[in-house]
Every structure is written in C-alpha cells, then in structure tokens.
Amino acid sequence: MSPLPLLSGREIVKVFESLGWEVARRRGSHIVLVKDGSSATLSVPDHRPVARGTLRSLIRAADLTVSEFVAAADEL
C-alpha cells in the first residue's frame, strides 16, 4: 500500500476534482464534494495539513483505493 502524503484540504479537493468530483458548497471550514452517480458526499476539512486518518476515510467513502488516490495526486 502506498503511504498517504500530508496534504492540505485544498490540495485534496484538487485531487478529487481530477477524479470527477465537484465542489457543491463550502460551509465554514469544510468543502463539500459531490459526484454524479455516487450516493456519497465528501466533506473535506480545509485544514493544513489534513490528518492521514481523515484522508483515508475520504478515500474509502469515494470508493477508491489509496493507490488510485496517490497516483492521481502525483499527476497534479
């Protein structure tokens, strides 16, 4: 398994946007992402950095693997 990088909330949003997620709204210190065809919504904290456990939970909710997320992050 690829190690998770320490990323800010905005960097995480950019990676998810490259994977087809869209910003639905921003409420306080959280950015909410949605994707057509997915019943999940992702609430990304706009912190610097986001805890690795929180990032892992977001990846799981997006129905991705850590390797897929890391590969998408490396492409940016």
C-alpha atoms as a PDB file:
ATOM      1  CA  MET A   1       0.000   0.000   0.000  1.00  0.00           C
ATOM      2  CA  SER A   2       1.266   3.467  -0.892  1.00  0.00           C
ATOM      3  CA  PRO A   3       1.901   5.810   2.024  1.00  0.00           C
ATOM      4  CA  LEU A   4      -0.511   8.717   2.238  1.00  0.00           C
ATOM      5  CA  PRO A   5       1.034  12.149   1.738  1.00  0.00           C
ATOM      6  CA  LEU A   6       0.260  15.024   4.077  1.00  0.00           C
ATOM      7  CA  LEU A   7      -1.899  17.383   2.030  1.00  0.00           C
ATOM      8  CA  SER A   8      -3.940  20.480   2.771  1.00  0.00           C
ATOM      9  CA  GLY A   9      -7.701  20.414   2.324  1.00  0.00           C
ATOM     10  CA  ARG A  10      -7.473  22.461  -0.871  1.00  0.00           C
ATOM     11  CA  GLU A  11      -4.881  20.090  -2.345  1.00  0.00           C
ATOM     12  CA  ILE A  12      -7.157  17.137  -1.543  1.00  0.00           C
ATOM     13  CA  VAL A  13     -10.076  18.894  -3.258  1.00  0.00           C
ATOM     14  CA  LYS A  14      -7.941  19.371  -6.397  1.00  0.00           C
ATOM     15  CA  VAL A  15      -7.140  15.645  -6.475  1.00  0.00           C
ATOM     16  CA  PHE A  16     -10.794  14.671  -6.069  1.00  0.00           C
ATOM     17  CA  GLU A  17     -11.789  17.179  -8.779  1.00  0.00           C
ATOM     18  CA  SER A  18      -9.354  15.463 -11.148  1.00  0.00           C
ATOM     19  CA  LEU A  19     -11.206  12.226 -10.356  1.00  0.00           C
ATOM     20  CA  GLY A  20     -14.608  13.649 -11.325  1.00  0.00           C
ATOM     21  CA  TRP A  21     -15.861  15.121  -8.027  1.00  0.00           C
ATOM     22  CA  GLU A  22     -17.302  18.653  -7.976  1.00  0.00           C
ATOM     23  CA  VAL A  23     -17.454  21.260  -5.231  1.00  0.00           C
ATOM     24  CA  ALA A  24     -21.103  21.569  -4.191  1.00  0.00           C
ATOM     25  CA  ARG A  25     -20.693  24.130  -1.441  1.00  0.00           C
ATOM     26  CA  ARG A  26     -18.402  25.457   1.226  1.00  0.00           C
ATOM     27  CA  ARG A  27     -19.651  25.703   4.771  1.00  0.00           C
ATOM     28  CA  GLY A  28     -17.331  27.148   7.399  1.00  0.00           C
ATOM     29  CA  SER A  29     -14.060  25.270   7.293  1.00  0.00           C
ATOM     30  CA  HIS A  30     -15.354  22.338   5.205  1.00  0.00           C
ATOM     31  CA  ILE A  31     -15.647  21.882   1.451  1.00  0.00           C
ATOM     32  CA  VAL A  32     -18.418  19.508   0.335  1.00  0.00           C
ATOM     33  CA  LEU A  33     -17.866  17.474  -2.840  1.00  0.00           C
ATOM     34  CA  VAL A  34     -20.432  15.502  -4.861  1.00  0.00           C
ATOM     35  CA  LYS A  35     -20.218  13.236  -7.899  1.00  0.00           C
ATOM     36  CA  ASP A  36     -22.887  12.186 -10.363  1.00  0.00           C
ATOM     37  CA  GLY A  37     -23.683   8.504  -9.952  1.00  0.00           C
ATOM     38  CA  SER A  38     -22.390   8.374  -6.383  1.00  0.00           C
ATOM     39  CA  SER A  39     -24.597   8.497  -3.316  1.00  0.00           C
ATOM     40  CA  ALA A  40     -21.668   9.674  -1.190  1.00  0.00           C
ATOM     41  CA  THR A  41     -20.823  13.269  -0.362  1.00  0.00           C
ATOM     42  CA  LEU A  42     -17.336  14.118   0.812  1.00  0.00           C
ATOM     43  CA  SER A  43     -16.809  16.756   3.474  1.00  0.00           C
ATOM     44  CA  VAL A  44     -13.167  17.815   3.216  1.00  0.00           C
ATOM     45  CA  PRO A  45     -11.841  19.914   6.104  1.00  0.00           C
ATOM     46  CA  ASP A  46      -9.966  22.984   4.898  1.00  0.00           C
ATOM     47  CA  HIS A  47      -7.080  22.376   7.286  1.00  0.00           C
ATOM     48  CA  ARG A  48      -3.378  22.325   6.738  1.00  0.00           C
ATOM     49  CA  PRO A  49      -2.497  19.502   6.868  1.00  0.00           C
ATOM     50  CA  VAL A  50      -5.450  17.099   6.926  1.00  0.00           C
ATOM     51  CA  ALA A  51      -4.849  14.111   9.201  1.00  0.00           C
ATOM     52  CA  ARG A  52      -3.967  10.910   7.367  1.00  0.00           C
ATOM     53  CA  GLY A  53      -6.828   9.020   9.026  1.00  0.00           C
ATOM     54  CA  THR A  54      -9.305  11.621   7.794  1.00  0.00           C
ATOM     55  CA  LEU A  55      -7.878  11.414   4.277  1.00  0.00           C
ATOM     56  CA  ARG A  56      -8.070   7.609   4.357  1.00  0.00           C
ATOM     57  CA  SER A  57     -11.742   7.865   5.387  1.00  0.00           C
ATOM     58  CA  LEU A  58     -12.474  10.250   2.487  1.00  0.00           C
ATOM     59  CA  ILE A  59     -10.759   7.900   0.035  1.00  0.00           C
ATOM     60  CA  ARG A  60     -12.812   4.973   1.330  1.00  0.00           C
ATOM     61  CA  ALA A  61     -16.059   6.984   1.086  1.00  0.00           C
ATOM     62  CA  ALA A  62     -15.186   7.890  -2.521  1.00  0.00           C
ATOM     63  CA  ASP A  63     -14.860   4.155  -3.271  1.00  0.00           C
ATOM     64  CA  LEU A  64     -11.204   4.499  -4.243  1.00  0.00           C
ATOM     65  CA  THR A  65      -8.050   2.741  -3.185  1.00  0.00           C
ATOM     66  CA  VAL A  66      -5.149   4.586  -1.584  1.00  0.00           C
ATOM     67  CA  SER A  67      -3.000   3.698  -4.607  1.00  0.00           C
ATOM     68  CA  GLU A  68      -5.529   5.262  -7.012  1.00  0.00           C
ATOM     69  CA  PHE A  69      -5.647   8.446  -4.949  1.00  0.00           C
ATOM     70  CA  VAL A  70      -1.854   8.704  -4.649  1.00  0.00           C
ATOM     71  CA  ALA A  71      -1.471   8.135  -8.413  1.00  0.00           C
ATOM     72  CA  ALA A  72      -3.967  10.945  -9.112  1.00  0.00           C
ATOM     73  CA  ALA A  73      -2.161  13.219  -6.644  1.00  0.00           C
ATOM     74  CA  ASP A  74       1.184  12.518  -8.305  1.00  0.00           C
ATOM     75  CA  GLU A  75      -0.239  13.544 -11.705  1.00  0.00           C
ATOM     76  CA  LEU A  76      -1.072  17.051 -10.474  1.00  0.00           C
END
